[in-house]
C-alpha atoms as a PDB file:
ATOM      1  CA  MET A   1     -10.074   6.094  -5.608  1.00  0.00           C
ATOM      2  CA  ASN A   2      -7.682   9.025  -5.213  1.00  0.00           C
ATOM      3  CA  LYS A   3      -5.643   7.125  -2.625  1.00  0.00           C
ATOM      4  CA  THR A   4      -5.177   4.270  -5.070  1.00  0.00           C
ATOM      5  CA  LEU A   5      -4.122   6.681  -7.805  1.00  0.00           C
ATOM      6  CA  VAL A   6      -1.626   8.364  -5.479  1.00  0.00           C
ATOM      7  CA  ALA A   7      -0.251   4.970  -4.456  1.00  0.00           C
ATOM      8  CA  LEU A   8       0.161   3.918  -8.082  1.00  0.00           C
ATOM      9  CA  VAL A   9       1.947   7.161  -8.982  1.00  0.00           C
ATOM     10  CA  ALA A  10       4.247   6.770  -5.985  1.00  0.00           C
ATOM     11  CA  ALA A  11       4.911   3.159  -6.943  1.00  0.00           C
ATOM     12  CA  ALA A  12       5.777   4.157 -10.496  1.00  0.00           C
ATOM     13  CA  ALA A  13       8.131   6.869  -9.277  1.00  0.00           C
ATOM     14  CA  ALA A  14       9.806   4.476  -6.857  1.00  0.00           C
ATOM     15  CA  THR A  15      10.165   1.833  -9.547  1.00  0.00           C
ATOM     16  CA  LEU A  16      11.717   4.284 -11.990  1.00  0.00           C
ATOM     17  CA  SER A  17      14.133   5.616  -9.395  1.00  0.00           C
ATOM     18  CA  MET A  18      15.302   2.129  -8.433  1.00  0.00           C
ATOM     19  CA  GLY A  19      17.104   1.740 -11.781  1.00  0.00           C
ATOM     20  CA  VAL A  20      19.634   4.341 -10.682  1.00  0.00           C
ATOM     21  CA  TYR A  21      20.880   2.100  -7.884  1.00  0.00           C
ATOM     22  CA  ALA A  22      22.135  -0.809  -9.965  1.00  0.00           C
ATOM     23  CA  ASP A  23      24.628  -3.133  -8.302  1.00  0.00           C
ATOM     24  CA  GLU A  24      24.011  -2.033  -4.728  1.00  0.00           C
ATOM     25  CA  SER A  25      26.025  -3.412  -1.875  1.00  0.00           C
ATOM     26  CA  PRO A  26      24.469  -6.154   0.255  1.00  0.00           C
ATOM     27  CA  ALA A  27      24.344  -3.756   3.213  1.00  0.00           C
ATOM     28  CA  GLN A  28      22.324  -1.238   1.202  1.00  0.00           C
ATOM     29  CA  ALA A  29      20.042  -4.023  -0.026  1.00  0.00           C
ATOM     30  CA  SER A  30      19.367  -4.983   3.587  1.00  0.00           C
ATOM     31  CA  VAL A  31      18.454  -1.387   4.415  1.00  0.00           C
ATOM     32  CA  ASP A  32      16.213  -1.211   1.348  1.00  0.00           C
ATOM     33  CA  LYS A  33      14.451  -4.441   2.340  1.00  0.00           C
ATOM     34  CA  ALA A  34      13.820  -3.096   5.826  1.00  0.00           C
ATOM     35  CA  GLN A  35      12.441   0.127   4.337  1.00  0.00           C
ATOM     36  CA  ALA A  36      10.165  -1.822   1.982  1.00  0.00           C
ATOM     37  CA  LYS A  37       8.848  -3.863   4.917  1.00  0.00           C
ATOM     38  CA  ALA A  38       8.250  -0.701   6.955  1.00  0.00           C
ATOM     39  CA  ASP A  39       6.410   0.832   4.002  1.00  0.00           C
ATOM     40  CA  LEU A  40       4.207  -2.267   3.770  1.00  0.00           C
ATOM     41  CA  LYS A  41       3.356  -2.088   7.466  1.00  0.00           C
ATOM     42  CA  SER A  42       2.560   1.614   7.321  1.00  0.00           C
ATOM     43  CA  ASP A  43       0.402   1.152   4.210  1.00  0.00           C
ATOM     44  CA  LYS A  44      -1.547  -1.623   5.911  1.00  0.00           C
ATOM     45  CA  ALA A  45      -1.966   0.476   9.052  1.00  0.00           C
ATOM     46  CA  GLN A  46      -3.231   3.377   6.937  1.00  0.00           C
ATOM     47  CA  SER A  47      -5.666   1.040   5.185  1.00  0.00           C
ATOM     48  CA  HIS A  48      -6.981  -0.180   8.528  1.00  0.00           C
ATOM     49  CA  ALA A  49      -7.373   3.380   9.823  1.00  0.00           C
ATOM     50  CA  ASP A  50      -9.221   4.346   6.640  1.00  0.00           C
ATOM     51  CA  LEU A  51     -11.499   1.328   7.046  1.00  0.00           C
ATOM     52  CA  LYS A  52     -12.412   2.348  10.586  1.00  0.00           C
ATOM     53  CA  ALA A  53     -13.043   5.950   9.546  1.00  0.00           C
ATOM     54  CA  ASN A  54     -15.149   4.909   6.562  1.00  0.00           C
ATOM     55  CA  LYS A  55     -17.223   2.530   8.680  1.00  0.00           C
ATOM     56  CA  ALA A  56     -17.764   5.256  11.269  1.00  0.00           C
ATOM     57  CA  ASP A  57     -18.919   7.608   8.515  1.00  0.00           C
ATOM     58  CA  CYS A  58     -21.315   4.949   7.259  1.00  0.00           C
ATOM     59  CA  LYS A  59     -22.750   4.480  10.719  1.00  0.00           C
ATOM     60  CA  ALA A  60     -23.136   8.217  11.314  1.00  0.00           C
ATOM     61  CA  GLU A  61     -24.616   9.129   7.949  1.00  0.00           C
ATOM     62  CA  THR A  62     -26.797   6.162   6.986  1.00  0.00           C
ATOM     63  CA  SER A  63     -28.928   3.407   8.453  1.00  0.00           C
ATOM     64  CA  GLY A  64     -30.376   0.039   7.556  1.00  0.00           C
ATOM     65  CA  ALA A  65     -29.540  -1.577   4.244  1.00  0.00           C
ATOM     66  CA  VAL A  66     -27.707   1.510   3.001  1.00  0.00           C
ATOM     67  CA  GLU A  67     -25.441   1.388   6.048  1.00  0.00           C
ATOM     68  CA  ARG A  68     -24.647  -2.283   5.467  1.00  0.00           C
ATOM     69  CA  ALA A  69     -23.884  -1.628   1.805  1.00  0.00           C
ATOM     70  CA  CYS A  70     -21.693   1.324   2.740  1.00  0.00           C
ATOM     71  CA  LYS A  71     -19.747  -0.805   5.228  1.00  0.00           C
ATOM     72  CA  LYS A  72     -19.299  -3.543   2.620  1.00  0.00           C
ATOM     73  CA  ASP A  73     -17.918  -0.967   0.205  1.00  0.00           C
ATOM     74  CA  ALA A  74     -15.531   0.289   2.887  1.00  0.00           C
ATOM     75  CA  LYS A  75     -14.332  -3.255   3.559  1.00  0.00           C
ATOM     76  CA  ALA A  76     -13.871  -3.910  -0.163  1.00  0.00           C
ATOM     77  CA  GLN A  77     -11.812  -0.728  -0.508  1.00  0.00           C
ATOM     78  CA  ALA A  78      -9.642  -1.819   2.426  1.00  0.00           C
ATOM     79  CA  LYS A  79      -9.004  -5.137   0.684  1.00  0.00           C
ATOM     80  CA  VAL A  80      -7.978  -3.303  -2.477  1.00  0.00           C
ATOM     81  CA  ASP A  81      -5.670  -1.025  -0.499  1.00  0.00           C
ATOM     82  CA  ASN A  82      -4.056  -4.014   1.227  1.00  0.00           C
ATOM     83  CA  ALA A  83      -3.595  -5.804  -2.079  1.00  0.00           C
ATOM     84  CA  ASP A  84      -1.982  -2.689  -3.577  1.00  0.00           C
ATOM     85  CA  ALA A  85       0.367  -2.448  -0.604  1.00  0.00           C
ATOM     86  CA  LYS A  86       1.325  -6.103  -0.915  1.00  0.00           C
ATOM     87  CA  LEU A  87       1.893  -5.780  -4.660  1.00  0.00           C
ATOM     88  CA  GLN A  88       4.094  -2.741  -4.110  1.00  0.00           C
ATOM     89  CA  TYR A  89       6.093  -4.645  -1.480  1.00  0.00           C
ATOM     90  CA  LYS A  90       6.644  -7.563  -3.851  1.00  0.00           C
ATOM     91  CA  GLN A  91       7.727  -5.165  -6.603  1.00  0.00           C
ATOM     92  CA  ASP A  92      10.138  -3.421  -4.236  1.00  0.00           C
ATOM     93  CA  LYS A  93      11.638  -6.770  -3.215  1.00  0.00           C
ATOM     94  CA  ALA A  94      12.064  -7.774  -6.849  1.00  0.00           C
ATOM     95  CA  ASP A  95      13.715  -4.426  -7.657  1.00  0.00           C
ATOM     96  CA  ILE A  96      16.095  -4.796  -4.730  1.00  0.00           C
ATOM     97  CA  LYS A  97      16.972  -8.332  -5.764  1.00  0.00           C
ATOM     98  CA  SER A  98      17.631  -7.326  -9.377  1.00  0.00           C
ATOM     99  CA  ASN A  99      19.838  -4.429  -8.256  1.00  0.00           C
ATOM    100  CA  THR A 100      22.041  -6.580  -6.027  1.00  0.00           C
ATOM    101  CA  ASN A 101      22.720  -9.240  -8.677  1.00  0.00           C
END
């Protein structure tokens, strides 16, 4: 939950700071797009690492039906994290596009 909150705060800060860069050059837009893509990849990698760690915790701390439920929760959280990363990427792309027009 805290990771999602941190991601949303970071996204809001990034969105607000993008307004300063109105009418960027195409070269800067290309750099920004590459950075947005790299951010997406790193967010997805972090989500995957968190999923593995959470599943390992489930396996170590619980057993049986509780373990399965814990692993399902971990997988659901990973899906949410991936969706947040993808949404942030789309927002970044839209901001870049609006700043270059």
